[in-house]
Amino acid sequence: AGVSSIVGTAWAFAALKEAGEVVTWGDADYGGDSSAVADRLVAGVSSIVRKSDAFAALKEAGEVVTWGDARCGGDSFAIADRLTAGVS
């Protein structure tokens, strides 16, 4: 499937494909490496937003997945249980 949108930080990009998969590239420290959450970005993503050097993906089921610079919101581990469903 093709790409439906691309979002960028200063050093990285994230492309949302039509089938809901996310592909990232660029500087690993600033969102270009999403391998830590890649299993959650293979399908079902409806939108992506960026904040400085981090990304957040909203999945169709209401889950939020984050990656990138932890200082910019890329590490949501501390509140992950609150982001597993119901976000719109």
PDB file of N, CA and C in Angstrom:
ATOM      1  N   ALA A   1       0.844  -1.187   0.000  1.00  0.00           N
ATOM      2  CA  ALA A   1       0.000   0.000   0.000  1.00  0.00           C
ATOM      3  C   ALA A   1       0.879   1.236   0.000  1.00  0.00           C
ATOM      4  N   GLY A   2       0.322   2.324  -0.463  1.00  0.00           N
ATOM      5  CA  GLY A   2       1.064   3.567  -0.556  1.00  0.00           C
ATOM      6  C   GLY A   2       1.133   4.312   0.765  1.00  0.00           C
ATOM      7  N   VAL A   3       1.821   5.436   0.727  1.00  0.00           N
ATOM      8  CA  VAL A   3       1.989   6.294   1.898  1.00  0.00           C
ATOM      9  C   VAL A   3       0.856   7.307   1.931  1.00  0.00           C
ATOM     10  N   SER A   4       0.222   7.462   3.096  1.00  0.00           N
ATOM     11  CA  SER A   4      -0.872   8.424   3.210  1.00  0.00           C
ATOM     12  C   SER A   4      -0.429   9.737   3.846  1.00  0.00           C
ATOM     13  N   SER A   5       0.618   9.702   4.694  1.00  0.00           N
ATOM     14  CA  SER A   5       1.125  10.946   5.281  1.00  0.00           C
ATOM     15  C   SER A   5       2.548  10.746   5.788  1.00  0.00           C
ATOM     16  N   ILE A   6       3.264  11.871   5.900  1.00  0.00           N
ATOM     17  CA  ILE A   6       4.620  11.872   6.440  1.00  0.00           C
ATOM     18  C   ILE A   6       4.709  12.984   7.468  1.00  0.00           C
ATOM     19  N   VAL A   7       5.302  12.671   8.627  1.00  0.00           N
ATOM     20  CA  VAL A   7       5.498  13.635   9.702  1.00  0.00           C
ATOM     21  C   VAL A   7       6.986  13.665  10.013  1.00  0.00           C
ATOM     22  N   GLY A   8       7.534  14.847  10.309  1.00  0.00           N
ATOM     23  CA  GLY A   8       8.954  14.928  10.584  1.00  0.00           C
ATOM     24  C   GLY A   8       9.299  15.716  11.822  1.00  0.00           C
ATOM     25  N   THR A   9      10.415  15.334  12.440  1.00  0.00           N
ATOM     26  CA  THR A   9      11.042  16.136  13.488  1.00  0.00           C
ATOM     27  C   THR A   9      12.224  16.824  12.815  1.00  0.00           C
ATOM     28  N   ALA A  10      13.077  17.447  13.590  1.00  0.00           N
ATOM     29  CA  ALA A  10      14.251  18.099  13.005  1.00  0.00           C
ATOM     30  C   ALA A  10      15.205  17.091  12.392  1.00  0.00           C
ATOM     31  N   TRP A  11      15.199  15.849  12.908  1.00  0.00           N
ATOM     32  CA  TRP A  11      16.205  14.877  12.498  1.00  0.00           C
ATOM     33  C   TRP A  11      15.659  13.547  12.014  1.00  0.00           C
ATOM     34  N   ALA A  12      14.332  13.375  11.953  1.00  0.00           N
ATOM     35  CA  ALA A  12      13.774  12.073  11.575  1.00  0.00           C
ATOM     36  C   ALA A  12      12.397  12.239  10.938  1.00  0.00           C
ATOM     37  N   PHE A  13      11.964  11.177  10.263  1.00  0.00           N
ATOM     38  CA  PHE A  13      10.655  11.149   9.624  1.00  0.00           C
ATOM     39  C   PHE A  13       9.910   9.877   9.996  1.00  0.00           C
ATOM     40  N   ALA A  14       8.587   9.955   9.943  1.00  0.00           N
ATOM     41  CA  ALA A  14       7.721   8.790  10.109  1.00  0.00           C
ATOM     42  C   ALA A  14       6.661   8.859   9.021  1.00  0.00           C
ATOM     43  N   ALA A  15       6.550   7.787   8.256  1.00  0.00           N
ATOM     44  CA  ALA A  15       5.544   7.709   7.201  1.00  0.00           C
ATOM     45  C   ALA A  15       4.444   6.757   7.635  1.00  0.00           C
ATOM     46  N   LEU A  16       3.213   7.184   7.452  1.00  0.00           N
ATOM     47  CA  LEU A  16       2.053   6.346   7.727  1.00  0.00           C
ATOM     48  C   LEU A  16       1.558   5.800   6.398  1.00  0.00           C
ATOM     49  N   LYS A  17       1.568   4.495   6.282  1.00  0.00           N
ATOM     50  CA  LYS A  17       1.118   3.863   5.050  1.00  0.00           C
ATOM     51  C   LYS A  17      -0.395   3.641   5.095  1.00  0.00           C
ATOM     52  N   GLU A  18      -1.006   3.492   3.933  1.00  0.00           N
ATOM     53  CA  GLU A  18      -2.458   3.361   3.830  1.00  0.00           C
ATOM     54  C   GLU A  18      -3.007   2.181   4.617  1.00  0.00           C
ATOM     55  N   ALA A  19      -2.201   1.130   4.792  1.00  0.00           N
ATOM     56  CA  ALA A  19      -2.643  -0.053   5.537  1.00  0.00           C
ATOM     57  C   ALA A  19      -2.452   0.098   7.049  1.00  0.00           C
ATOM     58  N   GLY A  20      -1.980   1.274   7.510  1.00  0.00           N
ATOM     59  CA  GLY A  20      -1.821   1.505   8.936  1.00  0.00           C
ATOM     60  C   GLY A  20      -0.469   1.151   9.492  1.00  0.00           C
ATOM     61  N   GLU A  21       0.503   0.876   8.646  1.00  0.00           N
ATOM     62  CA  GLU A  21       1.875   0.579   9.082  1.00  0.00           C
ATOM     63  C   GLU A  21       2.665   1.881   9.145  1.00  0.00           C
ATOM     64  N   VAL A  22       3.624   1.958  10.084  1.00  0.00           N
ATOM     65  CA  VAL A  22       4.499   3.118  10.206  1.00  0.00           C
ATOM     66  C   VAL A  22       5.918   2.713   9.837  1.00  0.00           C
ATOM     67  N   VAL A  23       6.573   3.540   9.015  1.00  0.00           N
ATOM     68  CA  VAL A  23       7.965   3.349   8.625  1.00  0.00           C
ATOM     69  C   VAL A  23       8.730   4.585   9.064  1.00  0.00           C
ATOM     70  N   THR A  24       9.856   4.392   9.770  1.00  0.00           N
ATOM     71  CA  THR A  24      10.631   5.531  10.272  1.00  0.00           C
ATOM     72  C   THR A  24      12.056   5.497   9.736  1.00  0.00           C
ATOM     73  N   TRP A  25      12.665   6.682   9.645  1.00  0.00           N
ATOM     74  CA  TRP A  25      14.064   6.783   9.241  1.00  0.00           C
ATOM     75  C   TRP A  25      14.621   8.119   9.726  1.00  0.00           C
ATOM     76  N   GLY A  26      15.943   8.194   9.769  1.00  0.00           N
ATOM     77  CA  GLY A  26      16.622   9.402  10.234  1.00  0.00           C
ATOM     78  C   GLY A  26      17.439   9.093  11.469  1.00  0.00           C
ATOM     79  N   ASP A  27      17.751  10.119  12.245  1.00  0.00           N
ATOM     80  CA  ASP A  27      18.573   9.969  13.441  1.00  0.00           C
ATOM     81  C   ASP A  27      17.836   9.132  14.483  1.00  0.00           C
ATOM     82  N   ALA A  28      18.463   8.055  14.910  1.00  0.00           N
ATOM     83  CA  ALA A  28      17.841   7.103  15.847  1.00  0.00           C
ATOM     84  C   ALA A  28      17.454   7.749  17.173  1.00  0.00           C
ATOM     85  N   ASP A  29      18.239   8.700  17.648  1.00  0.00           N
ATOM     86  CA  ASP A  29      17.955   9.324  18.939  1.00  0.00           C
ATOM     87  C   ASP A  29      16.747  10.249  18.906  1.00  0.00           C
ATOM     88  N   TYR A  30      16.320  10.641  17.732  1.00  0.00           N
ATOM     89  CA  TYR A  30      15.246  11.628  17.604  1.00  0.00           C
ATOM     90  C   TYR A  30      14.039  11.101  16.831  1.00  0.00           C
ATOM     91  N   GLY A  31      13.806   9.788  16.902  1.00  0.00           N
ATOM     92  CA  GLY A  31      12.617   9.203  16.320  1.00  0.00           C
ATOM     93  C   GLY A  31      12.824   8.418  15.044  1.00  0.00           C
ATOM     94  N   GLY A  32      14.046   8.396  14.528  1.00  0.00           N
ATOM     95  CA  GLY A  32      14.313   7.662  13.303  1.00  0.00           C
ATOM     96  C   GLY A  32      14.385   6.160  13.491  1.00  0.00           C
ATOM     97  N   ASP A  33      14.483   5.718  14.725  1.00  0.00           N
ATOM     98  CA  ASP A  33      14.536   4.286  15.039  1.00  0.00           C
ATOM     99  C   ASP A  33      13.356   3.940  15.934  1.00  0.00           C
ATOM    100  N   SER A  34      12.394   3.244  15.367  1.00  0.00           N
ATOM    101  CA  SER A  34      11.209   2.838  16.132  1.00  0.00           C
ATOM    102  C   SER A  34      11.244   1.346  16.444  1.00  0.00           C
ATOM    103  N   SER A  35      12.417   0.723  16.377  1.00  0.00           N
ATOM    104  CA  SER A  35      12.510  -0.733  16.543  1.00  0.00           C
ATOM    105  C   SER A  35      12.013  -1.207  17.910  1.00  0.00           C
ATOM    106  N   ALA A  36      12.113  -0.379  18.941  1.00  0.00           N
ATOM    107  CA  ALA A  36      11.656  -0.784  20.272  1.00  0.00           C
ATOM    108  C   ALA A  36      10.138  -0.976  20.329  1.00  0.00           C
ATOM    109  N   VAL A  37       9.421  -0.336  19.416  1.00  0.00           N
ATOM    110  CA  VAL A  37       7.957  -0.443  19.389  1.00  0.00           C
ATOM    111  C   VAL A  37       7.451  -0.926  18.026  1.00  0.00           C
ATOM    112  N   ALA A  38       8.351  -1.417  17.204  1.00  0.00           N
ATOM    113  CA  ALA A  38       8.010  -1.785  15.822  1.00  0.00           C
ATOM    114  C   ALA A  38       6.876  -2.794  15.733  1.00  0.00           C
ATOM    115  N   ASP A  39       6.810  -3.714  16.680  1.00  0.00           N
ATOM    116  CA  ASP A  39       5.747  -4.723  16.641  1.00  0.00           C
ATOM    117  C   ASP A  39       4.365  -4.101  16.820  1.00  0.00           C
ATOM    118  N   ARG A  40       4.299  -2.902  17.382  1.00  0.00           N
ATOM    119  CA  ARG A  40       3.023  -2.214  17.584  1.00  0.00           C
ATOM    120  C   ARG A  40       2.711  -1.224  16.466  1.00  0.00           C
ATOM    121  N   LEU A  41       3.630  -1.113  15.495  1.00  0.00           N
ATOM    122  CA  LEU A  41       3.445  -0.163  14.402  1.00  0.00           C
ATOM    123  C   LEU A  41       3.275  -0.841  13.046  1.00  0.00           C
ATOM    124  N   VAL A  42       3.058  -2.142  13.039  1.00  0.00           N
ATOM    125  CA  VAL A  42       2.948  -2.868  11.765  1.00  0.00           C
ATOM    126  C   VAL A  42       1.567  -2.742  11.132  1.00  0.00           C
ATOM    127  N   ALA A  43       0.552  -2.383  11.905  1.00  0.00           N
ATOM    128  CA  ALA A  43      -0.802  -2.243  11.374  1.00  0.00           C
ATOM    129  C   ALA A  43      -1.676  -1.504  12.375  1.00  0.00           C
ATOM    130  N   GLY A  44      -2.764  -0.941  11.885  1.00  0.00           N
ATOM    131  CA  GLY A  44      -3.766  -0.343  12.760  1.00  0.00           C
ATOM    132  C   GLY A  44      -3.506   1.071  13.213  1.00  0.00           C
ATOM    133  N   VAL A  45      -2.470   1.729  12.709  1.00  0.00           N
ATOM    134  CA  VAL A  45      -2.196   3.117  13.098  1.00  0.00           C
ATOM    135  C   VAL A  45      -3.068   4.035  12.253  1.00  0.00           C
ATOM    136  N   SER A  46      -3.739   4.979  12.905  1.00  0.00           N
ATOM    137  CA  SER A  46      -4.620   5.895  12.181  1.00  0.00           C
ATOM    138  C   SER A  46      -4.022   7.282  12.000  1.00  0.00           C
ATOM    139  N   SER A  47      -3.113   7.695  12.910  1.00  0.00           N
ATOM    140  CA  SER A  47      -2.477   9.003  12.758  1.00  0.00           C
ATOM    141  C   SER A  47      -1.176   9.058  13.553  1.00  0.00           C
ATOM    142  N   ILE A  48      -0.336   9.998  13.175  1.00  0.00           N
ATOM    143  CA  ILE A  48       0.950  10.222  13.854  1.00  0.00           C
ATOM    144  C   ILE A  48       1.087  11.719  14.104  1.00  0.00           C
ATOM    145  N   VAL A  49       1.553  12.068  15.299  1.00  0.00           N
ATOM    146  CA  VAL A  49       1.898  13.457  15.606  1.00  0.00           C
ATOM    147  C   VAL A  49       3.342  13.506  16.073  1.00  0.00           C
ATOM    148  N   ARG A  50       3.916  14.676  16.021  1.00  0.00           N
ATOM    149  CA  ARG A  50       5.296  14.833  16.474  1.00  0.00           C
ATOM    150  C   ARG A  50       5.392  15.988  17.457  1.00  0.00           C
ATOM    151  N   LYS A  51       6.377  15.910  18.323  1.00  0.00           N
ATOM    152  CA  LYS A  51       6.680  16.966  19.283  1.00  0.00           C
ATOM    153  C   LYS A  51       8.186  17.058  19.356  1.00  0.00           C
ATOM    154  N   SER A  52       8.755  18.120  18.894  1.00  0.00           N
ATOM    155  CA  SER A  52      10.203  18.295  18.877  1.00  0.00           C
ATOM    156  C   SER A  52      10.875  17.077  18.258  1.00  0.00           C
ATOM    157  N   ASP A  53      11.415  16.196  19.097  1.00  0.00           N
ATOM    158  CA  ASP A  53      12.191  15.060  18.615  1.00  0.00           C
ATOM    159  C   ASP A  53      11.587  13.714  19.002  1.00  0.00           C
ATOM    160  N   ALA A  54      10.265  13.643  19.038  1.00  0.00           N
ATOM    161  CA  ALA A  54       9.574  12.401  19.370  1.00  0.00           C
ATOM    162  C   ALA A  54       8.279  12.305  18.575  1.00  0.00           C
ATOM    163  N   PHE A  55       7.769  11.082  18.454  1.00  0.00           N
ATOM    164  CA  PHE A  55       6.537  10.817  17.740  1.00  0.00           C
ATOM    165  C   PHE A  55       5.554  10.083  18.645  1.00  0.00           C
ATOM    166  N   ALA A  56       4.263  10.244  18.354  1.00  0.00           N
ATOM    167  CA  ALA A  56       3.217   9.460  18.991  1.00  0.00           C
ATOM    168  C   ALA A  56       2.259   9.000  17.900  1.00  0.00           C
ATOM    169  N   ALA A  57       1.972   7.716  17.892  1.00  0.00           N
ATOM    170  CA  ALA A  57       1.038   7.146  16.924  1.00  0.00           C
ATOM    171  C   ALA A  57      -0.240   6.754  17.651  1.00  0.00           C
ATOM    172  N   LEU A  58      -1.367   7.127  17.074  1.00  0.00           N
ATOM    173  CA  LEU A  58      -2.668   6.739  17.600  1.00  0.00           C
ATOM    174  C   LEU A  58      -3.174   5.567  16.765  1.00  0.00           C
ATOM    175  N   LYS A  59      -3.478   4.478  17.453  1.00  0.00           N
ATOM    176  CA  LYS A  59      -3.979   3.298  16.750  1.00  0.00           C
ATOM    177  C   LYS A  59      -5.504   3.312  16.723  1.00  0.00           C
ATOM    178  N   GLU A  60      -6.063   2.572  15.779  1.00  0.00           N
ATOM    179  CA  GLU A  60      -7.515   2.545  15.595  1.00  0.00           C
ATOM    180  C   GLU A  60      -8.263   2.117  16.846  1.00  0.00           C
ATOM    181  N   ALA A  61      -7.674   1.274  17.676  1.00  0.00           N
ATOM    182  CA  ALA A  61      -8.316   0.794  18.904  1.00  0.00           C
ATOM    183  C   ALA A  61      -8.145   1.764  20.072  1.00  0.00           C
ATOM    184  N   GLY A  62      -7.501   2.924  19.829  1.00  0.00           N
ATOM    185  CA  GLY A  62      -7.338   3.918  20.882  1.00  0.00           C
ATOM    186  C   GLY A  62      -6.057   3.798  21.675  1.00  0.00           C
ATOM    187  N   GLU A  63      -5.127   2.959  21.247  1.00  0.00           N
ATOM    188  CA  GLU A  63      -3.828   2.828  21.903  1.00  0.00           C
ATOM    189  C   GLU A  63      -2.891   3.913  21.383  1.00  0.00           C
ATOM    190  N   VAL A  64      -2.002   4.411  22.246  1.00  0.00           N
ATOM    191  CA  VAL A  64      -0.975   5.371  21.849  1.00  0.00           C
ATOM    192  C   VAL A  64       0.382   4.695  21.966  1.00  0.00           C
ATOM    193  N   VAL A  65       1.205   4.836  20.921  1.00  0.00           N
ATOM    194  CA  VAL A  65       2.555   4.281  20.888  1.00  0.00           C
ATOM    195  C   VAL A  65       3.523   5.438  20.675  1.00  0.00           C
ATOM    196  N   THR A  66       4.554   5.536  21.527  1.00  0.00           N
ATOM    197  CA  THR A  66       5.510   6.638  21.413  1.00  0.00           C
ATOM    198  C   THR A  66       6.924   6.126  21.195  1.00  0.00           C
ATOM    199  N   TRP A  67       7.745   6.967  20.547  1.00  0.00           N
ATOM    200  CA  TRP A  67       9.164   6.659  20.362  1.00  0.00           C
ATOM    201  C   TRP A  67       9.899   7.957  20.041  1.00  0.00           C
ATOM    202  N   GLY A  68      11.206   7.917  20.222  1.00  0.00           N
ATOM    203  CA  GLY A  68      12.037   9.094  19.990  1.00  0.00           C
ATOM    204  C   GLY A  68      12.693   9.535  21.278  1.00  0.00           C
ATOM    205  N   ASP A  69      13.079  10.795  21.328  1.00  0.00           N
ATOM    206  CA  ASP A  69      13.781  11.357  22.486  1.00  0.00           C
ATOM    207  C   ASP A  69      12.855  11.340  23.710  1.00  0.00           C
ATOM    208  N   ALA A  70      13.280  10.659  24.756  1.00  0.00           N
ATOM    209  CA  ALA A  70      12.466  10.538  25.973  1.00  0.00           C
ATOM    210  C   ALA A  70      12.153  11.898  26.589  1.00  0.00           C
ATOM    211  N   ARG A  71      13.063  12.844  26.478  1.00  0.00           N
ATOM    212  CA  ARG A  71      12.849  14.184  27.046  1.00  0.00           C
ATOM    213  C   ARG A  71      11.731  14.929  26.329  1.00  0.00           C
ATOM    214  N   CYS A  72      11.376  14.470  25.144  1.00  0.00           N
ATOM    215  CA  CYS A  72      10.332  15.123  24.338  1.00  0.00           C
ATOM    216  C   CYS A  72       9.063  14.293  24.255  1.00  0.00           C
ATOM    217  N   GLY A  73       8.943  13.278  25.108  1.00  0.00           N
ATOM    218  CA  GLY A  73       7.741  12.461  25.131  1.00  0.00           C
ATOM    219  C   GLY A  73       7.860  11.124  24.432  1.00  0.00           C
ATOM    220  N   GLY A  74       9.047  10.772  23.972  1.00  0.00           N
ATOM    221  CA  GLY A  74       9.230   9.530  23.249  1.00  0.00           C
ATOM    222  C   GLY A  74       9.207   8.279  24.097  1.00  0.00           C
ATOM    223  N   ASP A  75       9.230   8.423  25.407  1.00  0.00           N
ATOM    224  CA  ASP A  75       9.182   7.275  26.317  1.00  0.00           C
ATOM    225  C   ASP A  75       7.975   7.433  27.231  1.00  0.00           C
ATOM    226  N   SER A  76       6.918   6.682  26.943  1.00  0.00           N
ATOM    227  CA  SER A  76       5.691   6.772  27.749  1.00  0.00           C
ATOM    228  C   SER A  76       5.541   5.575  28.676  1.00  0.00           C
ATOM    229  N   PHE A  77       6.633   4.898  28.973  1.00  0.00           N
ATOM    230  CA  PHE A  77       6.587   3.686  29.786  1.00  0.00           C
ATOM    231  C   PHE A  77       5.895   3.930  31.132  1.00  0.00           C
ATOM    232  N   ALA A  78       6.155   5.046  31.775  1.00  0.00           N
ATOM    233  CA  ALA A  78       5.608   5.316  33.108  1.00  0.00           C
ATOM    234  C   ALA A  78       4.086   5.402  33.118  1.00  0.00           C
ATOM    235  N   ILE A  79       3.482   5.735  31.991  1.00  0.00           N
ATOM    236  CA  ILE A  79       2.024   5.841  31.923  1.00  0.00           C
ATOM    237  C   ILE A  79       1.421   4.908  30.869  1.00  0.00           C
ATOM    238  N   ALA A  80       2.186   3.932  30.449  1.00  0.00           N
ATOM    239  CA  ALA A  80       1.760   3.028  29.371  1.00  0.00           C
ATOM    240  C   ALA A  80       0.421   2.363  29.646  1.00  0.00           C
ATOM    241  N   ASP A  81       0.137   2.040  30.896  1.00  0.00           N
ATOM    242  CA  ASP A  81      -1.126   1.380  31.213  1.00  0.00           C
ATOM    243  C   ASP A  81      -2.329   2.281  30.959  1.00  0.00           C
ATOM    244  N   ARG A  82      -2.105   3.600  30.911  1.00  0.00           N
ATOM    245  CA  ARG A  82      -3.177   4.554  30.660  1.00  0.00           C
ATOM    246  C   ARG A  82      -3.350   4.865  29.166  1.00  0.00           C
ATOM    247  N   LEU A  83      -2.457   4.302  28.331  1.00  0.00           N
ATOM    248  CA  LEU A  83      -2.484   4.602  26.911  1.00  0.00           C
ATOM    249  C   LEU A  83      -2.776   3.365  26.051  1.00  0.00           C
ATOM    250  N   THR A  84      -3.258   2.300  26.654  1.00  0.00           N
ATOM    251  CA  THR A  84      -3.472   1.061  25.911  1.00  0.00           C
ATOM    252  C   THR A  84      -4.792   1.036  25.144  1.00  0.00           C
ATOM    253  N   ALA A  85      -5.749   1.861  25.519  1.00  0.00           N
ATOM    254  CA  ALA A  85      -7.044   1.898  24.824  1.00  0.00           C
ATOM    255  C   ALA A  85      -7.818   3.139  25.249  1.00  0.00           C
ATOM    256  N   GLY A  86      -8.800   3.495  24.456  1.00  0.00           N
ATOM    257  CA  GLY A  86      -9.711   4.571  24.831  1.00  0.00           C
ATOM    258  C   GLY A  86      -9.247   5.963  24.521  1.00  0.00           C
ATOM    259  N   VAL A  87      -8.107   6.143  23.875  1.00  0.00           N
ATOM    260  CA  VAL A  87      -7.638   7.478  23.514  1.00  0.00           C
ATOM    261  C   VAL A  87      -8.227   7.815  22.153  1.00  0.00           C
ATOM    262  N   SER A  88      -8.686   9.058  21.998  1.00  0.00           N
ATOM    263  CA  SER A  88      -9.255   9.452  20.689  1.00  0.00           C
ATOM    264  C   SER A  88      -8.767  10.799  20.239  1.00  0.00           C
TER     265      SER A  88
END
